[in-house]
Amino acid sequence: MIDCITRIPYGRWPIFLISLFLIMRKLLSYSCNLMPRLLLAAGLLLATLAPAIAAPPMPALPAATSAYFAKFIDENGNVNYGALKRNPLELKALVHRYETFDASAATDRDREAFYLNAYNVMVISEVAAHYPAASVQKIPGFFDKNLVTVAGEKMTLNDLEAKKLREPFHDPRVHFALVCGAKGCPRFNRQAFVGNQVDAQLTVQARKVLQDPKFIRVDDKDKKVLVSEIFKWYEADFKATGKTTLAYLNQFRDSKPIPTTYAVDYYPYDWALNDRK
């Protein structure tokens, strides 16, 4: 019975509850002695149904974000900043939803997905505001001084990354999901993150990025591997997993593991704008 009731569409709950009240009222008219039992039954029923009555999750915002990414980001992860700057109202509307979203009632997974998407959306918005800057490094205070509003809070992009993602979740995979507006970043994932899928999505993204020969450059001739400076900047995050750099990489490289005897070094980060021209 409960399974059938929980399938009632969200918008029909007020009608259902009124009907339930009227039925109970009719039954009470037959005998006042039934009141304690009926009240107890009603309380148990409503307690069981509470999760079903709760507001639905937030699939609409990730869906809108995915649609926006698909429209302005190509398969190589380059952003058409020129086109999106010519259509400012669409970006403004999306940014407004991230600015006003109430994250306090969200689950941990929904919050993680929300802040991952928020970071990427805010980077796009900030780049568009200063376009045609050739690099985010040419925009003063881009990461550490300029403020954005996310879920009602003002913060820098660095704070958004550190305080909303790195510190609460302790998951180095976020570094392969955040795109800072540079060609040296991991390739943009055009599919927005969704709370009940975020763990699987982060794993898929890590596999794509860490098997990309442009991002992880294996030199079998010299028996070495060149990795992004992300692994240097966030060394503490990766060390916290208890794995060496090669061990961390290999868990996501499927059939292409890097021999553990290979030397590890870094290639220079490419700060050129990830612009689709």
C-alpha atoms as a PDB file:
ATOM      1  CA  MET A   1       0.000   0.000   0.000  1.00  0.00           C
ATOM      2  CA  ILE A   2       2.762   2.440   0.989  1.00  0.00           C
ATOM      3  CA  ASP A   3       4.603   1.747  -2.261  1.00  0.00           C
ATOM      4  CA  CYS A   4       1.486   2.633  -4.254  1.00  0.00           C
ATOM      5  CA  ILE A   5       0.876   5.792  -2.243  1.00  0.00           C
ATOM      6  CA  THR A   6       4.436   7.066  -2.677  1.00  0.00           C
ATOM      7  CA  ARG A   7       3.920   6.962  -6.433  1.00  0.00           C
ATOM      8  CA  ILE A   8       1.308   9.716  -6.250  1.00  0.00           C
ATOM      9  CA  PRO A   9       2.578  12.680  -8.384  1.00  0.00           C
ATOM     10  CA  TYR A  10       4.087  15.482  -6.340  1.00  0.00           C
ATOM     11  CA  GLY A  11       1.479  18.006  -7.424  1.00  0.00           C
ATOM     12  CA  ARG A  12      -1.429  15.783  -6.298  1.00  0.00           C
ATOM     13  CA  TRP A  13      -0.359  15.554  -2.630  1.00  0.00           C
ATOM     14  CA  PRO A  14      -2.596  18.381  -1.383  1.00  0.00           C
ATOM     15  CA  ILE A  15      -5.669  16.649  -2.881  1.00  0.00           C
ATOM     16  CA  PHE A  16      -4.613  13.312  -1.400  1.00  0.00           C
ATOM     17  CA  LEU A  17      -4.096  14.720   2.098  1.00  0.00           C
ATOM     18  CA  ILE A  18      -7.442  16.545   2.063  1.00  0.00           C
ATOM     19  CA  SER A  19      -9.165  13.328   0.963  1.00  0.00           C
ATOM     20  CA  LEU A  20      -7.409  11.416   3.733  1.00  0.00           C
ATOM     21  CA  PHE A  21      -8.583  13.990   6.282  1.00  0.00           C
ATOM     22  CA  LEU A  22     -12.207  13.771   5.087  1.00  0.00           C
ATOM     23  CA  ILE A  23     -12.176   9.960   5.272  1.00  0.00           C
ATOM     24  CA  MET A  24     -10.802  10.079   8.818  1.00  0.00           C
ATOM     25  CA  ARG A  25     -13.393  12.657   9.786  1.00  0.00           C
ATOM     26  CA  LYS A  26     -16.194  10.421   8.442  1.00  0.00           C
ATOM     27  CA  LEU A  27     -14.907   7.414  10.352  1.00  0.00           C
ATOM     28  CA  LEU A  28     -14.691   9.437  13.546  1.00  0.00           C
ATOM     29  CA  SER A  29     -18.362  10.295  13.258  1.00  0.00           C
ATOM     30  CA  TYR A  30     -19.207   6.619  13.800  1.00  0.00           C
ATOM     31  CA  SER A  31     -17.391   6.192  17.043  1.00  0.00           C
ATOM     32  CA  CYS A  32     -15.289   8.477  19.192  1.00  0.00           C
ATOM     33  CA  ASN A  33     -13.597   5.367  20.562  1.00  0.00           C
ATOM     34  CA  LEU A  34     -11.748   5.048  17.252  1.00  0.00           C
ATOM     35  CA  MET A  35     -10.003   8.384  17.646  1.00  0.00           C
ATOM     36  CA  PRO A  36      -6.803   7.245  19.431  1.00  0.00           C
ATOM     37  CA  ARG A  37      -6.244   4.403  16.980  1.00  0.00           C
ATOM     38  CA  LEU A  38      -6.929   6.543  13.936  1.00  0.00           C
ATOM     39  CA  LEU A  39      -4.644   9.326  15.119  1.00  0.00           C
ATOM     40  CA  LEU A  40      -1.881   6.816  15.724  1.00  0.00           C
ATOM     41  CA  ALA A  41      -2.379   5.286  12.275  1.00  0.00           C
ATOM     42  CA  ALA A  42      -2.381   8.715  10.633  1.00  0.00           C
ATOM     43  CA  GLY A  43       0.817   9.686  12.420  1.00  0.00           C
ATOM     44  CA  LEU A  44       2.569   6.511  11.318  1.00  0.00           C
ATOM     45  CA  LEU A  45       1.368   6.955   7.744  1.00  0.00           C
ATOM     46  CA  LEU A  46       2.520  10.570   7.494  1.00  0.00           C
ATOM     47  CA  ALA A  47       5.889   9.715   9.052  1.00  0.00           C
ATOM     48  CA  THR A  48       6.355   6.983   6.440  1.00  0.00           C
ATOM     49  CA  LEU A  49       5.349   9.303   3.620  1.00  0.00           C
ATOM     50  CA  ALA A  50       7.514  12.251   4.700  1.00  0.00           C
ATOM     51  CA  PRO A  51      10.364  11.507   2.263  1.00  0.00           C
ATOM     52  CA  ALA A  52       7.888  11.215  -0.606  1.00  0.00           C
ATOM     53  CA  ILE A  53       6.182  14.506   0.292  1.00  0.00           C
ATOM     54  CA  ALA A  54       9.509  16.358   0.446  1.00  0.00           C
ATOM     55  CA  ALA A  55      10.383  18.699  -2.416  1.00  0.00           C
ATOM     56  CA  PRO A  56      11.854  16.911  -5.441  1.00  0.00           C
ATOM     57  CA  PRO A  57      15.648  16.961  -6.002  1.00  0.00           C
ATOM     58  CA  MET A  58      17.414  19.455  -8.245  1.00  0.00           C
ATOM     59  CA  PRO A  59      17.665  17.793 -11.663  1.00  0.00           C
ATOM     60  CA  ALA A  60      16.423  20.931 -13.460  1.00  0.00           C
ATOM     61  CA  LEU A  61      19.551  23.000 -12.764  1.00  0.00           C
ATOM     62  CA  PRO A  62      22.062  20.367 -13.960  1.00  0.00           C
ATOM     63  CA  ALA A  63      19.879  19.788 -17.026  1.00  0.00           C
ATOM     64  CA  ALA A  64      19.869  23.506 -17.852  1.00  0.00           C
ATOM     65  CA  THR A  65      23.632  23.631 -17.278  1.00  0.00           C
ATOM     66  CA  SER A  66      24.261  20.648 -19.559  1.00  0.00           C
ATOM     67  CA  ALA A  67      22.146  22.249 -22.283  1.00  0.00           C
ATOM     68  CA  TYR A  68      24.134  25.473 -21.971  1.00  0.00           C
ATOM     69  CA  PHE A  69      27.486  23.653 -22.051  1.00  0.00           C
ATOM     70  CA  ALA A  70      26.429  21.648 -25.117  1.00  0.00           C
ATOM     71  CA  LYS A  71      25.508  24.863 -26.897  1.00  0.00           C
ATOM     72  CA  PHE A  72      28.707  26.802 -26.261  1.00  0.00           C
ATOM     73  CA  ILE A  73      31.426  24.178 -25.600  1.00  0.00           C
ATOM     74  CA  ASP A  74      32.766  21.876 -28.309  1.00  0.00           C
ATOM     75  CA  GLU A  75      33.823  18.239 -27.971  1.00  0.00           C
ATOM     76  CA  ASN A  76      37.439  19.286 -27.412  1.00  0.00           C
ATOM     77  CA  GLY A  77      36.445  21.324 -24.369  1.00  0.00           C
ATOM     78  CA  ASN A  78      36.895  24.735 -25.971  1.00  0.00           C
ATOM     79  CA  VAL A  79      34.395  27.444 -25.071  1.00  0.00           C
ATOM     80  CA  ASN A  80      32.853  29.711 -27.677  1.00  0.00           C
ATOM     81  CA  TYR A  81      33.234  32.859 -25.585  1.00  0.00           C
ATOM     82  CA  GLY A  82      32.494  35.107 -28.533  1.00  0.00           C
ATOM     83  CA  ALA A  83      29.103  33.476 -29.137  1.00  0.00           C
ATOM     84  CA  LEU A  84      28.073  33.397 -25.501  1.00  0.00           C
ATOM     85  CA  LYS A  85      29.089  37.033 -25.057  1.00  0.00           C
ATOM     86  CA  ARG A  86      26.776  37.872 -27.933  1.00  0.00           C
ATOM     87  CA  ASN A  87      23.986  36.105 -26.033  1.00  0.00           C
ATOM     88  CA  PRO A  88      24.466  37.549 -22.523  1.00  0.00           C
ATOM     89  CA  LEU A  89      20.899  37.067 -21.241  1.00  0.00           C
ATOM     90  CA  GLU A  90      21.122  33.279 -21.402  1.00  0.00           C
ATOM     91  CA  LEU A  91      24.342  33.217 -19.372  1.00  0.00           C
ATOM     92  CA  LYS A  92      22.999  35.822 -16.961  1.00  0.00           C
ATOM     93  CA  ALA A  93      19.902  33.711 -16.302  1.00  0.00           C
ATOM     94  CA  LEU A  94      21.968  30.593 -15.632  1.00  0.00           C
ATOM     95  CA  VAL A  95      24.373  32.449 -13.324  1.00  0.00           C
ATOM     96  CA  HIS A  96      21.405  33.895 -11.421  1.00  0.00           C
ATOM     97  CA  ARG A  97      20.152  30.386 -10.651  1.00  0.00           C
ATOM     98  CA  TYR A  98      23.524  29.498  -9.130  1.00  0.00           C
ATOM     99  CA  GLU A  99      23.608  32.760  -7.201  1.00  0.00           C
ATOM    100  CA  THR A 100      20.198  32.188  -5.609  1.00  0.00           C
ATOM    101  CA  PHE A 101      20.166  28.405  -5.146  1.00  0.00           C
ATOM    102  CA  ASP A 102      19.520  27.292  -1.537  1.00  0.00           C
ATOM    103  CA  ALA A 103      22.295  24.800  -0.821  1.00  0.00           C
ATOM    104  CA  SER A 104      21.515  24.504   2.897  1.00  0.00           C
ATOM    105  CA  ALA A 105      18.849  21.832   2.399  1.00  0.00           C
ATOM    106  CA  ALA A 106      20.769  19.847  -0.226  1.00  0.00           C
ATOM    107  CA  THR A 107      22.363  16.466   0.458  1.00  0.00           C
ATOM    108  CA  ASP A 108      26.152  16.166   0.493  1.00  0.00           C
ATOM    109  CA  ARG A 109      26.131  14.663  -2.997  1.00  0.00           C
ATOM    110  CA  ASP A 110      23.815  17.369  -4.346  1.00  0.00           C
ATOM    111  CA  ARG A 111      26.055  20.036  -2.793  1.00  0.00           C
ATOM    112  CA  GLU A 112      29.180  18.523  -4.334  1.00  0.00           C
ATOM    113  CA  ALA A 113      27.561  18.387  -7.773  1.00  0.00           C
ATOM    114  CA  PHE A 114      26.174  21.899  -7.349  1.00  0.00           C
ATOM    115  CA  TYR A 115      29.526  23.473  -6.427  1.00  0.00           C
ATOM    116  CA  LEU A 116      31.385  21.613  -9.193  1.00  0.00           C
ATOM    117  CA  ASN A 117      28.947  23.010 -11.741  1.00  0.00           C
ATOM    118  CA  ALA A 118      28.938  26.422 -10.061  1.00  0.00           C
ATOM    119  CA  TYR A 119      32.716  26.723 -10.356  1.00  0.00           C
ATOM    120  CA  ASN A 120      32.694  25.971 -14.072  1.00  0.00           C
ATOM    121  CA  VAL A 121      29.750  28.283 -14.726  1.00  0.00           C
ATOM    122  CA  MET A 122      31.311  31.146 -12.762  1.00  0.00           C
ATOM    123  CA  VAL A 123      34.627  30.771 -14.591  1.00  0.00           C
ATOM    124  CA  ILE A 124      32.818  31.010 -17.922  1.00  0.00           C
ATOM    125  CA  SER A 125      30.880  34.046 -16.690  1.00  0.00           C
ATOM    126  CA  GLU A 126      34.000  35.835 -15.446  1.00  0.00           C
ATOM    127  CA  VAL A 127      35.943  35.120 -18.636  1.00  0.00           C
ATOM    128  CA  ALA A 128      33.026  36.348 -20.742  1.00  0.00           C
ATOM    129  CA  ALA A 129      32.907  39.571 -18.734  1.00  0.00           C
ATOM    130  CA  HIS A 130      36.551  40.280 -19.657  1.00  0.00           C
ATOM    131  CA  TYR A 131      36.602  38.753 -23.130  1.00  0.00           C
ATOM    132  CA  PRO A 132      38.643  38.928 -25.343  1.00  0.00           C
ATOM    133  CA  ALA A 133      41.366  38.565 -22.707  1.00  0.00           C
ATOM    134  CA  ALA A 134      43.963  36.119 -24.007  1.00  0.00           C
ATOM    135  CA  SER A 135      44.363  34.371 -20.648  1.00  0.00           C
ATOM    136  CA  VAL A 136      42.766  34.343 -17.212  1.00  0.00           C
ATOM    137  CA  GLN A 137      46.183  35.388 -15.930  1.00  0.00           C
ATOM    138  CA  LYS A 138      45.659  38.678 -17.777  1.00  0.00           C
ATOM    139  CA  ILE A 139      42.547  39.366 -15.686  1.00  0.00           C
ATOM    140  CA  PRO A 140      43.602  40.983 -12.362  1.00  0.00           C
ATOM    141  CA  GLY A 141      42.388  39.100  -9.291  1.00  0.00           C
ATOM    142  CA  PHE A 142      40.640  36.437 -11.370  1.00  0.00           C
ATOM    143  CA  PHE A 143      41.115  33.636  -8.823  1.00  0.00           C
ATOM    144  CA  ASP A 144      41.975  35.321  -5.539  1.00  0.00           C
ATOM    145  CA  LYS A 145      40.317  38.757  -5.412  1.00  0.00           C
ATOM    146  CA  ASN A 146      37.298  39.037  -7.693  1.00  0.00           C
ATOM    147  CA  LEU A 147      34.106  37.966  -5.946  1.00  0.00           C
ATOM    148  CA  VAL A 148      31.315  35.816  -7.322  1.00  0.00           C
ATOM    149  CA  THR A 149      28.029  34.958  -5.623  1.00  0.00           C
ATOM    150  CA  VAL A 150      27.172  31.283  -5.200  1.00  0.00           C
ATOM    151  CA  ALA A 151      24.167  30.064  -3.201  1.00  0.00           C
ATOM    152  CA  GLY A 152      23.827  33.486  -1.612  1.00  0.00           C
ATOM    153  CA  GLU A 153      27.477  33.727  -0.507  1.00  0.00           C
ATOM    154  CA  LYS A 154      30.152  35.999  -1.917  1.00  0.00           C
ATOM    155  CA  MET A 155      33.512  34.305  -2.444  1.00  0.00           C
ATOM    156  CA  THR A 156      36.517  34.134  -4.744  1.00  0.00           C
ATOM    157  CA  LEU A 157      36.998  31.271  -7.162  1.00  0.00           C
ATOM    158  CA  ASN A 158      39.844  30.023  -4.961  1.00  0.00           C
ATOM    159  CA  ASP A 159      37.510  29.963  -1.953  1.00  0.00           C
ATOM    160  CA  LEU A 160      34.829  28.196  -3.954  1.00  0.00           C
ATOM    161  CA  GLU A 161      37.315  25.482  -4.874  1.00  0.00           C
ATOM    162  CA  ALA A 162      38.942  25.154  -1.449  1.00  0.00           C
ATOM    163  CA  LYS A 163      36.098  25.720   1.018  1.00  0.00           C
ATOM    164  CA  LYS A 164      33.183  24.231  -0.891  1.00  0.00           C
ATOM    165  CA  LEU A 165      34.909  21.306  -2.598  1.00  0.00           C
ATOM    166  CA  ARG A 166      38.419  20.409  -1.457  1.00  0.00           C
ATOM    167  CA  GLU A 167      37.978  20.814   2.297  1.00  0.00           C
ATOM    168  CA  PRO A 168      34.567  19.220   2.814  1.00  0.00           C
ATOM    169  CA  PHE A 169      34.950  16.310   0.357  1.00  0.00           C
ATOM    170  CA  HIS A 170      38.697  15.498   0.342  1.00  0.00           C
ATOM    171  CA  ASP A 171      38.398  14.020  -3.156  1.00  0.00           C
ATOM    172  CA  PRO A 172      41.278  14.734  -5.571  1.00  0.00           C
ATOM    173  CA  ARG A 173      39.050  13.754  -8.500  1.00  0.00           C
ATOM    174  CA  VAL A 174      37.539  17.245  -8.342  1.00  0.00           C
ATOM    175  CA  HIS A 175      40.766  18.548  -9.887  1.00  0.00           C
ATOM    176  CA  PHE A 176      39.853  16.762 -13.128  1.00  0.00           C
ATOM    177  CA  ALA A 177      36.330  18.214 -13.112  1.00  0.00           C
ATOM    178  CA  LEU A 178      37.117  21.895 -12.523  1.00  0.00           C
ATOM    179  CA  VAL A 179      38.012  23.947 -15.588  1.00  0.00           C
ATOM    180  CA  CYS A 180      39.806  27.217 -14.866  1.00  0.00           C
ATOM    181  CA  GLY A 181      39.508  28.735 -18.344  1.00  0.00           C
ATOM    182  CA  ALA A 182      42.931  27.620 -19.603  1.00  0.00           C
ATOM    183  CA  LYS A 183      44.041  25.134 -22.251  1.00  0.00           C
ATOM    184  CA  GLY A 184      46.138  23.396 -19.612  1.00  0.00           C
ATOM    185  CA  CYS A 185      42.999  22.465 -17.649  1.00  0.00           C
ATOM    186  CA  PRO A 186      41.409  19.032 -17.955  1.00  0.00           C
ATOM    187  CA  ARG A 187      39.140  18.780 -20.965  1.00  0.00           C
ATOM    188  CA  PHE A 188      35.724  20.297 -20.227  1.00  0.00           C
ATOM    189  CA  ASN A 189      33.010  17.767 -19.425  1.00  0.00           C
ATOM    190  CA  ARG A 190      29.902  19.091 -21.179  1.00  0.00           C
ATOM    191  CA  GLN A 191      27.635  16.940 -18.994  1.00  0.00           C
ATOM    192  CA  ALA A 192      26.856  18.776 -15.754  1.00  0.00           C
ATOM    193  CA  PHE A 193      27.242  16.886 -12.491  1.00  0.00           C
ATOM    194  CA  VAL A 194      24.129  15.472 -10.801  1.00  0.00           C
ATOM    195  CA  GLY A 195      23.942  14.607  -7.106  1.00  0.00           C
ATOM    196  CA  ASN A 196      22.906  10.960  -7.323  1.00  0.00           C
ATOM    197  CA  GLN A 197      25.436  10.332 -10.111  1.00  0.00           C
ATOM    198  CA  VAL A 198      28.341  12.540  -9.053  1.00  0.00           C
ATOM    199  CA  ASP A 199      30.583   9.773  -7.720  1.00  0.00           C
ATOM    200  CA  ALA A 200      30.329   7.749 -10.933  1.00  0.00           C
ATOM    201  CA  GLN A 201      30.665  10.918 -13.032  1.00  0.00           C
ATOM    202  CA  LEU A 202      33.877  11.909 -11.236  1.00  0.00           C
ATOM    203  CA  THR A 203      35.343   8.466 -11.863  1.00  0.00           C
ATOM    204  CA  VAL A 204      34.443   8.592 -15.563  1.00  0.00           C
ATOM    205  CA  GLN A 205      35.929  12.080 -15.830  1.00  0.00           C
ATOM    206  CA  ALA A 206      39.137  11.015 -14.060  1.00  0.00           C
ATOM    207  CA  ARG A 207      39.520   8.096 -16.457  1.00  0.00           C
ATOM    208  CA  LYS A 208      39.060  10.330 -19.491  1.00  0.00           C
ATOM    209  CA  VAL A 209      41.510  12.956 -18.275  1.00  0.00           C
ATOM    210  CA  LEU A 210      44.194  10.612 -16.937  1.00  0.00           C
ATOM    211  CA  GLN A 211      44.205   8.561 -20.135  1.00  0.00           C
ATOM    212  CA  ASP A 212      44.403  11.647 -22.348  1.00  0.00           C
ATOM    213  CA  PRO A 213      47.932  11.632 -23.865  1.00  0.00           C
ATOM    214  CA  LYS A 214      47.909  15.441 -23.947  1.00  0.00           C
ATOM    215  CA  PHE A 215      47.312  15.607 -20.208  1.00  0.00           C
ATOM    216  CA  ILE A 216      49.442  12.634 -19.097  1.00  0.00           C
ATOM    217  CA  ARG A 217      52.457  12.404 -21.409  1.00  0.00           C
ATOM    218  CA  VAL A 218      54.132   9.015 -21.243  1.00  0.00           C
ATOM    219  CA  ASP A 219      57.601   8.753 -22.806  1.00  0.00           C
ATOM    220  CA  ASP A 220      58.394   5.054 -23.130  1.00  0.00           C
ATOM    221  CA  LYS A 221      61.706   5.770 -24.831  1.00  0.00           C
ATOM    222  CA  ASP A 222      63.103   7.722 -21.874  1.00  0.00           C
ATOM    223  CA  LYS A 223      61.020   5.792 -19.330  1.00  0.00           C
ATOM    224  CA  LYS A 224      59.401   8.839 -17.812  1.00  0.00           C
ATOM    225  CA  VAL A 225      56.003  10.490 -17.584  1.00  0.00           C
ATOM    226  CA  LEU A 226      55.237  14.199 -17.646  1.00  0.00           C
ATOM    227  CA  VAL A 227      52.140  15.191 -15.671  1.00  0.00           C
ATOM    228  CA  SER A 228      50.196  18.409 -15.257  1.00  0.00           C
ATOM    229  CA  GLU A 229      51.418  20.897 -12.677  1.00  0.00           C
ATOM    230  CA  ILE A 230      48.049  20.314 -10.987  1.00  0.00           C
ATOM    231  CA  PHE A 231      49.789  17.370  -9.326  1.00  0.00           C
ATOM    232  CA  LYS A 232      52.416  19.758  -7.956  1.00  0.00           C
ATOM    233  CA  TRP A 233      50.049  22.514  -6.822  1.00  0.00           C
ATOM    234  CA  TYR A 234      47.720  20.095  -5.057  1.00  0.00           C
ATOM    235  CA  GLU A 235      50.326  17.558  -3.995  1.00  0.00           C
ATOM    236  CA  ALA A 236      48.871  17.349  -0.473  1.00  0.00           C
ATOM    237  CA  ASP A 237      45.462  16.335  -1.835  1.00  0.00           C
ATOM    238  CA  PHE A 238      46.920  13.444  -3.807  1.00  0.00           C
ATOM    239  CA  LYS A 239      49.290  12.346  -1.033  1.00  0.00           C
ATOM    240  CA  ALA A 240      46.335  12.162   1.350  1.00  0.00           C
ATOM    241  CA  THR A 241      45.065   9.170  -0.654  1.00  0.00           C
ATOM    242  CA  GLY A 242      48.118   7.191   0.469  1.00  0.00           C
ATOM    243  CA  LYS A 243      49.171   6.527  -3.119  1.00  0.00           C
ATOM    244  CA  THR A 244      52.215   7.582  -5.109  1.00  0.00           C
ATOM    245  CA  THR A 245      51.594   9.723  -8.181  1.00  0.00           C
ATOM    246  CA  LEU A 246      51.960   6.717 -10.505  1.00  0.00           C
ATOM    247  CA  ALA A 247      49.730   4.527  -8.345  1.00  0.00           C
ATOM    248  CA  TYR A 248      47.090   7.226  -8.316  1.00  0.00           C
ATOM    249  CA  LEU A 249      47.250   7.578 -12.110  1.00  0.00           C
ATOM    250  CA  ASN A 250      47.199   3.859 -12.794  1.00  0.00           C
ATOM    251  CA  GLN A 251      43.955   3.226 -10.906  1.00  0.00           C
ATOM    252  CA  PHE A 252      42.211   5.233 -13.633  1.00  0.00           C
ATOM    253  CA  ARG A 253      44.227   4.076 -16.645  1.00  0.00           C
ATOM    254  CA  ASP A 254      42.514   0.701 -17.164  1.00  0.00           C
ATOM    255  CA  SER A 255      44.632  -1.245 -19.653  1.00  0.00           C
ATOM    256  CA  LYS A 256      47.312   1.476 -19.992  1.00  0.00           C
ATOM    257  CA  PRO A 257      49.177   1.434 -16.661  1.00  0.00           C
ATOM    258  CA  ILE A 258      52.440   3.331 -16.425  1.00  0.00           C
ATOM    259  CA  PRO A 259      55.377   1.214 -15.201  1.00  0.00           C
ATOM    260  CA  THR A 260      56.152   2.101 -11.599  1.00  0.00           C
ATOM    261  CA  THR A 261      59.854   2.434 -12.483  1.00  0.00           C
ATOM    262  CA  TYR A 262      59.197   5.472 -14.697  1.00  0.00           C
ATOM    263  CA  ALA A 263      60.383   8.872 -13.506  1.00  0.00           C
ATOM    264  CA  VAL A 264      57.758  11.563 -12.914  1.00  0.00           C
ATOM    265  CA  ASP A 265      58.167  15.204 -13.922  1.00  0.00           C
ATOM    266  CA  TYR A 266      55.933  18.163 -14.829  1.00  0.00           C
ATOM    267  CA  TYR A 267      55.342  19.986 -18.098  1.00  0.00           C
ATOM    268  CA  PRO A 268      54.637  23.756 -18.110  1.00  0.00           C
ATOM    269  CA  TYR A 269      50.992  24.691 -17.647  1.00  0.00           C
ATOM    270  CA  ASP A 270      49.354  26.257 -20.701  1.00  0.00           C
ATOM    271  CA  TRP A 271      47.493  29.352 -19.493  1.00  0.00           C
ATOM    272  CA  ALA A 272      46.214  30.333 -22.955  1.00  0.00           C
ATOM    273  CA  LEU A 273      42.439  30.793 -22.931  1.00  0.00           C
ATOM    274  CA  ASN A 274      40.422  27.680 -23.763  1.00  0.00           C
ATOM    275  CA  ASP A 275      38.722  29.681 -26.484  1.00  0.00           C
ATOM    276  CA  ARG A 276      36.936  28.152 -29.440  1.00  0.00           C
ATOM    277  CA  LYS A 277      37.713  30.420 -32.369  1.00  0.00           C
END
